[in-house]
Structures are given as structure tokens and as C-alpha cells.
Amino acid sequence: MGEFVDAMGARMSEYENLYGSRVLRKNVRAFLRKVHTEWRESNAPLRVDESVRTIESFPWNLLRNPGIST
């Protein structure tokens, strides 16, 4: 649980206000779920229109065996 305390840094005071100074697994899980939910609200995934999407790969003609001619 020392990793949790180190990683939380400034948010550790927020954790201690909610759950006290004891770091318990069930409290850590609930707190991280709350932090993640708050983060997702302000960092929503980007939705791109399907017509704008492109597949980034090599051209198919470069993927063929060079010994085979068409």
C-alpha cells in the first residue's frame, strides 16, 4: 500500500478526509473508482465520424510476395 500513498501525492489529503489515515484495500478501491469517474467526466473519449476514419497500414500491394506477379 506504500505505492498507493506515493502515487497519490496531493490527493492523499482528500483520501484521508474521506477514510481517515488507515489505508485499507476496500477504501482504496472505492476512492480510485471515484477519482476515475471524475477524470472520465472531464476527459470524455473522442467520437470520430465513421466516414473520417482511416486504417493506418501499409499499402496492400507492398504486402504481396515480390516473387508472385499479377
PDB file of N, CA and C in Angstrom:
ATOM      1  N   MET A   1       0.807  -1.196   0.000  1.00  0.00           N
ATOM      2  CA  MET A   1       0.000   0.000   0.000  1.00  0.00           C
ATOM      3  C   MET A   1       0.853   1.265   0.000  1.00  0.00           C
ATOM      4  N   GLY A   2       2.143   1.102   0.215  1.00  0.00           N
ATOM      5  CA  GLY A   2       3.040   2.253   0.158  1.00  0.00           C
ATOM      6  C   GLY A   2       3.079   2.873  -1.223  1.00  0.00           C
ATOM      7  N   GLU A   3       2.934   2.039  -2.252  1.00  0.00           N
ATOM      8  CA  GLU A   3       2.906   2.540  -3.627  1.00  0.00           C
ATOM      9  C   GLU A   3       1.714   3.471  -3.830  1.00  0.00           C
ATOM     10  N   PHE A   4       0.583   3.101  -3.230  1.00  0.00           N
ATOM     11  CA  PHE A   4      -0.620   3.928  -3.346  1.00  0.00           C
ATOM     12  C   PHE A   4      -0.374   5.308  -2.737  1.00  0.00           C
ATOM     13  N   VAL A   5       0.198   5.340  -1.546  1.00  0.00           N
ATOM     14  CA  VAL A   5       0.459   6.603  -0.861  1.00  0.00           C
ATOM     15  C   VAL A   5       1.416   7.458  -1.680  1.00  0.00           C
ATOM     16  N   ASP A   6       2.465   6.844  -2.234  1.00  0.00           N
ATOM     17  CA  ASP A   6       3.429   7.589  -3.057  1.00  0.00           C
ATOM     18  C   ASP A   6       2.782   8.117  -4.331  1.00  0.00           C
ATOM     19  N   ALA A   7       1.955   7.305  -4.980  1.00  0.00           N
ATOM     20  CA  ALA A   7       1.354   7.687  -6.247  1.00  0.00           C
ATOM     21  C   ALA A   7       0.280   8.767  -6.086  1.00  0.00           C
ATOM     22  N   MET A   8      -0.400   8.790  -4.964  1.00  0.00           N
ATOM     23  CA  MET A   8      -1.491   9.741  -4.776  1.00  0.00           C
ATOM     24  C   MET A   8      -0.999  11.160  -4.538  1.00  0.00           C
ATOM     25  N   GLY A   9       0.136  11.321  -3.924  1.00  0.00           N
ATOM     26  CA  GLY A   9       0.709  12.652  -3.735  1.00  0.00           C
ATOM     27  C   GLY A   9      -0.259  13.626  -3.091  1.00  0.00           C
ATOM     28  N   ALA A  10      -0.672  14.658  -3.835  1.00  0.00           N
ATOM     29  CA  ALA A  10      -1.533  15.718  -3.305  1.00  0.00           C
ATOM     30  C   ALA A  10      -2.946  15.226  -3.001  1.00  0.00           C
ATOM     31  N   ARG A  11      -3.398  14.184  -3.663  1.00  0.00           N
ATOM     32  CA  ARG A  11      -4.765  13.685  -3.424  1.00  0.00           C
ATOM     33  C   ARG A  11      -4.865  12.861  -2.150  1.00  0.00           C
ATOM     34  N   MET A  12      -3.736  12.565  -1.522  1.00  0.00           N
ATOM     35  CA  MET A  12      -3.761  11.764  -0.304  1.00  0.00           C
ATOM     36  C   MET A  12      -4.531  12.480   0.800  1.00  0.00           C
ATOM     37  N   SER A  13      -4.462  13.798   0.860  1.00  0.00           N
ATOM     38  CA  SER A  13      -5.218  14.526   1.879  1.00  0.00           C
ATOM     39  C   SER A  13      -6.720  14.357   1.657  1.00  0.00           C
ATOM     40  N   GLU A  14      -7.144  14.307   0.400  1.00  0.00           N
ATOM     41  CA  GLU A  14      -8.555  14.073   0.082  1.00  0.00           C
ATOM     42  C   GLU A  14      -8.973  12.683   0.561  1.00  0.00           C
ATOM     43  N   TYR A  15      -8.117  11.697   0.343  1.00  0.00           N
ATOM     44  CA  TYR A  15      -8.387  10.324   0.806  1.00  0.00           C
ATOM     45  C   TYR A  15      -8.520  10.296   2.325  1.00  0.00           C
ATOM     46  N   GLU A  16      -7.598  10.961   3.016  1.00  0.00           N
ATOM     47  CA  GLU A  16      -7.621  10.957   4.479  1.00  0.00           C
ATOM     48  C   GLU A  16      -8.858  11.659   5.023  1.00  0.00           C
ATOM     49  N   ASN A  17      -9.350  12.680   4.335  1.00  0.00           N
ATOM     50  CA  ASN A  17     -10.584  13.341   4.770  1.00  0.00           C
ATOM     51  C   ASN A  17     -11.780  12.403   4.680  1.00  0.00           C
ATOM     52  N   LEU A  18     -11.798  11.545   3.656  1.00  0.00           N
ATOM     53  CA  LEU A  18     -12.912  10.620   3.474  1.00  0.00           C
ATOM     54  C   LEU A  18     -12.808   9.380   4.354  1.00  0.00           C
ATOM     55  N   TYR A  19     -11.622   8.791   4.451  1.00  0.00           N
ATOM     56  CA  TYR A  19     -11.478   7.471   5.072  1.00  0.00           C
ATOM     57  C   TYR A  19     -10.564   7.432   6.292  1.00  0.00           C
ATOM     58  N   GLY A  20      -9.931   8.526   6.630  1.00  0.00           N
ATOM     59  CA  GLY A  20      -9.004   8.513   7.750  1.00  0.00           C
ATOM     60  C   GLY A  20      -7.603   8.133   7.285  1.00  0.00           C
ATOM     61  N   SER A  21      -6.711   7.966   8.241  1.00  0.00           N
ATOM     62  CA  SER A  21      -5.308   7.727   7.889  1.00  0.00           C
ATOM     63  C   SER A  21      -5.009   6.270   7.547  1.00  0.00           C
ATOM     64  N   ARG A  22      -5.922   5.337   7.878  1.00  0.00           N
ATOM     65  CA  ARG A  22      -5.679   3.924   7.558  1.00  0.00           C
ATOM     66  C   ARG A  22      -5.924   3.666   6.082  1.00  0.00           C
ATOM     67  N   VAL A  23      -5.003   2.977   5.452  1.00  0.00           N
ATOM     68  CA  VAL A  23      -5.117   2.646   4.030  1.00  0.00           C
ATOM     69  C   VAL A  23      -5.586   1.197   3.931  1.00  0.00           C
ATOM     70  N   LEU A  24      -6.892   1.028   3.680  1.00  0.00           N
ATOM     71  CA  LEU A  24      -7.477  -0.297   3.542  1.00  0.00           C
ATOM     72  C   LEU A  24      -7.829  -0.546   2.081  1.00  0.00           C
ATOM     73  N   ARG A  25      -7.727  -1.797   1.669  1.00  0.00           N
ATOM     74  CA  ARG A  25      -7.960  -2.162   0.274  1.00  0.00           C
ATOM     75  C   ARG A  25      -9.340  -1.724  -0.205  1.00  0.00           C
ATOM     76  N   LYS A  26     -10.387  -1.964   0.597  1.00  0.00           N
ATOM     77  CA  LYS A  26     -11.742  -1.607   0.164  1.00  0.00           C
ATOM     78  C   LYS A  26     -11.893  -0.095   0.014  1.00  0.00           C
ATOM     79  N   ASN A  27     -11.226   0.682   0.877  1.00  0.00           N
ATOM     80  CA  ASN A  27     -11.294   2.137   0.775  1.00  0.00           C
ATOM     81  C   ASN A  27     -10.513   2.644  -0.426  1.00  0.00           C
ATOM     82  N   VAL A  28      -9.367   2.041  -0.691  1.00  0.00           N
ATOM     83  CA  VAL A  28      -8.541   2.433  -1.837  1.00  0.00           C
ATOM     84  C   VAL A  28      -9.314   2.186  -3.120  1.00  0.00           C
ATOM     85  N   ARG A  29      -9.958   1.036  -3.211  1.00  0.00           N
ATOM     86  CA  ARG A  29     -10.734   0.698  -4.410  1.00  0.00           C
ATOM     87  C   ARG A  29     -11.863   1.703  -4.634  1.00  0.00           C
ATOM     88  N   ALA A  30     -12.609   2.014  -3.585  1.00  0.00           N
ATOM     89  CA  ALA A  30     -13.711   2.970  -3.700  1.00  0.00           C
ATOM     90  C   ALA A  30     -13.190   4.359  -4.072  1.00  0.00           C
ATOM     91  N   PHE A  31     -12.093   4.774  -3.473  1.00  0.00           N
ATOM     92  CA  PHE A  31     -11.539   6.093  -3.754  1.00  0.00           C
ATOM     93  C   PHE A  31     -11.046   6.185  -5.189  1.00  0.00           C
ATOM     94  N   LEU A  32     -10.331   5.162  -5.666  1.00  0.00           N
ATOM     95  CA  LEU A  32      -9.826   5.178  -7.037  1.00  0.00           C
ATOM     96  C   LEU A  32     -10.963   5.138  -8.045  1.00  0.00           C
ATOM     97  N   ARG A  33     -12.035   4.439  -7.722  1.00  0.00           N
ATOM     98  CA  ARG A  33     -13.200   4.424  -8.606  1.00  0.00           C
ATOM     99  C   ARG A  33     -13.788   5.829  -8.708  1.00  0.00           C
ATOM    100  N   LYS A  34     -13.865   6.535  -7.588  1.00  0.00           N
ATOM    101  CA  LYS A  34     -14.376   7.910  -7.568  1.00  0.00           C
ATOM    102  C   LYS A  34     -13.462   8.833  -8.377  1.00  0.00           C
ATOM    103  N   VAL A  35     -12.156   8.706  -8.183  1.00  0.00           N
ATOM    104  CA  VAL A  35     -11.193   9.531  -8.913  1.00  0.00           C
ATOM    105  C   VAL A  35     -11.295   9.258 -10.408  1.00  0.00           C
ATOM    106  N   HIS A  36     -11.404   7.990 -10.784  1.00  0.00           N
ATOM    107  CA  HIS A  36     -11.502   7.622 -12.195  1.00  0.00           C
ATOM    108  C   HIS A  36     -12.783   8.178 -12.815  1.00  0.00           C
ATOM    109  N   THR A  37     -13.903   8.094 -12.101  1.00  0.00           N
ATOM    110  CA  THR A  37     -15.170   8.609 -12.605  1.00  0.00           C
ATOM    111  C   THR A  37     -15.083  10.116 -12.831  1.00  0.00           C
ATOM    112  N   GLU A  38     -14.492  10.836 -11.891  1.00  0.00           N
ATOM    113  CA  GLU A  38     -14.318  12.281 -12.038  1.00  0.00           C
ATOM    114  C   GLU A  38     -13.439  12.600 -13.242  1.00  0.00           C
ATOM    115  N   TRP A  39     -12.384  11.824 -13.424  1.00  0.00           N
ATOM    116  CA  TRP A  39     -11.463  12.053 -14.543  1.00  0.00           C
ATOM    117  C   TRP A  39     -12.168  11.820 -15.876  1.00  0.00           C
ATOM    118  N   ARG A  40     -12.968  10.741 -15.952  1.00  0.00           N
ATOM    119  CA  ARG A  40     -13.659  10.408 -17.201  1.00  0.00           C
ATOM    120  C   ARG A  40     -14.673  11.479 -17.594  1.00  0.00           C
ATOM    121  N   GLU A  41     -15.291  12.129 -16.609  1.00  0.00           N
ATOM    122  CA  GLU A  41     -16.266  13.172 -16.906  1.00  0.00           C
ATOM    123  C   GLU A  41     -15.614  14.355 -17.616  1.00  0.00           C
ATOM    124  N   SER A  42     -14.402  14.693 -17.219  1.00  0.00           N
ATOM    125  CA  SER A  42     -13.731  15.839 -17.844  1.00  0.00           C
ATOM    126  C   SER A  42     -12.858  15.433 -19.033  1.00  0.00           C
ATOM    127  N   ASN A  43     -12.648  14.140 -19.251  1.00  0.00           N
ATOM    128  CA  ASN A  43     -11.819  13.647 -20.353  1.00  0.00           C
ATOM    129  C   ASN A  43     -12.588  12.597 -21.153  1.00  0.00           C
ATOM    130  N   ALA A  44     -13.709  13.009 -21.697  1.00  0.00           N
ATOM    131  CA  ALA A  44     -14.545  12.079 -22.459  1.00  0.00           C
ATOM    132  C   ALA A  44     -13.801  11.598 -23.699  1.00  0.00           C
ATOM    133  N   PRO A  45     -14.037  10.346 -24.122  1.00  0.00           N
ATOM    134  CA  PRO A  45     -13.374   9.841 -25.327  1.00  0.00           C
ATOM    135  C   PRO A  45     -13.852  10.603 -26.561  1.00  0.00           C
ATOM    136  N   LEU A  46     -12.967  10.746 -27.515  1.00  0.00           N
ATOM    137  CA  LEU A  46     -13.313  11.440 -28.742  1.00  0.00           C
ATOM    138  C   LEU A  46     -14.115  10.517 -29.648  1.00  0.00           C
ATOM    139  N   ARG A  47     -15.213  11.018 -30.149  1.00  0.00           N
ATOM    140  CA  ARG A  47     -16.025  10.258 -31.092  1.00  0.00           C
ATOM    141  C   ARG A  47     -15.750  10.804 -32.483  1.00  0.00           C
ATOM    142  N   VAL A  48     -15.297   9.948 -33.366  1.00  0.00           N
ATOM    143  CA  VAL A  48     -14.973  10.357 -34.729  1.00  0.00           C
ATOM    144  C   VAL A  48     -15.997   9.741 -35.667  1.00  0.00           C
ATOM    145  N   ASP A  49     -16.475  10.542 -36.600  1.00  0.00           N
ATOM    146  CA  ASP A  49     -17.424  10.058 -37.589  1.00  0.00           C
ATOM    147  C   ASP A  49     -16.781   8.931 -38.387  1.00  0.00           C
ATOM    148  N   GLU A  50     -17.552   7.911 -38.695  1.00  0.00           N
ATOM    149  CA  GLU A  50     -17.030   6.737 -39.394  1.00  0.00           C
ATOM    150  C   GLU A  50     -16.473   7.084 -40.767  1.00  0.00           C
ATOM    151  N   SER A  51     -17.011   8.113 -41.406  1.00  0.00           N
ATOM    152  CA  SER A  51     -16.542   8.487 -42.736  1.00  0.00           C
ATOM    153  C   SER A  51     -15.162   9.128 -42.696  1.00  0.00           C
ATOM    154  N   VAL A  52     -14.712   9.552 -41.523  1.00  0.00           N
ATOM    155  CA  VAL A  52     -13.425  10.217 -41.383  1.00  0.00           C
ATOM    156  C   VAL A  52     -12.317   9.227 -41.009  1.00  0.00           C
ATOM    157  N   ARG A  53     -12.695   8.079 -40.508  1.00  0.00           N
ATOM    158  CA  ARG A  53     -11.714   7.095 -40.044  1.00  0.00           C
ATOM    159  C   ARG A  53     -10.883   6.552 -41.188  1.00  0.00           C
ATOM    160  N   THR A  54      -9.622   6.310 -40.909  1.00  0.00           N
ATOM    161  CA  THR A  54      -8.745   5.682 -41.897  1.00  0.00           C
ATOM    162  C   THR A  54      -7.972   4.569 -41.214  1.00  0.00           C
ATOM    163  N   ILE A  55      -7.659   3.552 -41.970  1.00  0.00           N
ATOM    164  CA  ILE A  55      -6.840   2.463 -41.458  1.00  0.00           C
ATOM    165  C   ILE A  55      -5.397   2.788 -41.792  1.00  0.00           C
ATOM    166  N   GLU A  56      -4.579   2.834 -40.770  1.00  0.00           N
ATOM    167  CA  GLU A  56      -3.174   3.169 -40.987  1.00  0.00           C
ATOM    168  C   GLU A  56      -2.374   1.876 -41.119  1.00  0.00           C
ATOM    169  N   SER A  57      -2.130   1.479 -42.344  1.00  0.00           N
ATOM    170  CA  SER A  57      -1.344   0.279 -42.598  1.00  0.00           C
ATOM    171  C   SER A  57      -0.597   0.470 -43.917  1.00  0.00           C
ATOM    172  N   PHE A  58       0.258  -0.473 -44.219  1.00  0.00           N
ATOM    173  CA  PHE A  58       0.994  -0.429 -45.467  1.00  0.00           C
ATOM    174  C   PHE A  58       0.043  -0.679 -46.632  1.00  0.00           C
ATOM    175  N   PRO A  59       0.334  -0.131 -47.805  1.00  0.00           N
ATOM    176  CA  PRO A  59      -0.489  -0.445 -48.984  1.00  0.00           C
ATOM    177  C   PRO A  59      -0.445  -1.958 -49.256  1.00  0.00           C
ATOM    178  N   TRP A  60      -1.576  -2.502 -49.645  1.00  0.00           N
ATOM    179  CA  TRP A  60      -1.684  -3.945 -49.842  1.00  0.00           C
ATOM    180  C   TRP A  60      -0.706  -4.467 -50.887  1.00  0.00           C
ATOM    181  N   ASN A  61      -0.413  -3.686 -51.914  1.00  0.00           N
ATOM    182  CA  ASN A  61       0.491  -4.185 -52.951  1.00  0.00           C
ATOM    183  C   ASN A  61       1.910  -4.384 -52.406  1.00  0.00           C
ATOM    184  N   LEU A  62       2.259  -3.732 -51.323  1.00  0.00           N
ATOM    185  CA  LEU A  62       3.576  -3.928 -50.723  1.00  0.00           C
ATOM    186  C   LEU A  62       3.623  -5.168 -49.829  1.00  0.00           C
ATOM    187  N   LEU A  63       2.465  -5.718 -49.489  1.00  0.00           N
ATOM    188  CA  LEU A  63       2.408  -6.874 -48.610  1.00  0.00           C
ATOM    189  C   LEU A  63       2.507  -8.198 -49.367  1.00  0.00           C
ATOM    190  N   ARG A  64       2.344  -8.145 -50.702  1.00  0.00           N
ATOM    191  CA  ARG A  64       2.424  -9.375 -51.505  1.00  0.00           C
ATOM    192  C   ARG A  64       3.858  -9.871 -51.604  1.00  0.00           C
ATOM    193  N   ASN A  65       3.989 -11.140 -51.854  1.00  0.00           N
ATOM    194  CA  ASN A  65       5.297 -11.736 -52.103  1.00  0.00           C
ATOM    195  C   ASN A  65       5.835 -11.169 -53.420  1.00  0.00           C
ATOM    196  N   PRO A  66       7.023 -10.581 -53.420  1.00  0.00           N
ATOM    197  CA  PRO A  66       7.532  -9.961 -54.647  1.00  0.00           C
ATOM    198  C   PRO A  66       7.803 -10.963 -55.763  1.00  0.00           C
ATOM    199  N   GLY A  67       7.904 -12.254 -55.462  1.00  0.00           N
ATOM    200  CA  GLY A  67       8.142 -13.262 -56.485  1.00  0.00           C
ATOM    201  C   GLY A  67       6.906 -13.614 -57.275  1.00  0.00           C
ATOM    202  N   ILE A  68       5.732 -13.198 -56.796  1.00  0.00           N
ATOM    203  CA  ILE A  68       4.491 -13.528 -57.471  1.00  0.00           C
ATOM    204  C   ILE A  68       4.036 -12.296 -58.260  1.00  0.00           C
ATOM    205  N   SER A  69       3.881 -12.475 -59.566  1.00  0.00           N
ATOM    206  CA  SER A  69       3.412 -11.346 -60.375  1.00  0.00           C
ATOM    207  C   SER A  69       1.928 -11.495 -60.661  1.00  0.00           C
ATOM    208  N   THR A  70       1.264 -10.374 -60.872  1.00  0.00           N
ATOM    209  CA  THR A  70      -0.173 -10.445 -61.173  1.00  0.00           C
ATOM    210  C   THR A  70      -0.464 -10.045 -62.585  1.00  0.00           C
TER     211      THR A  70
END
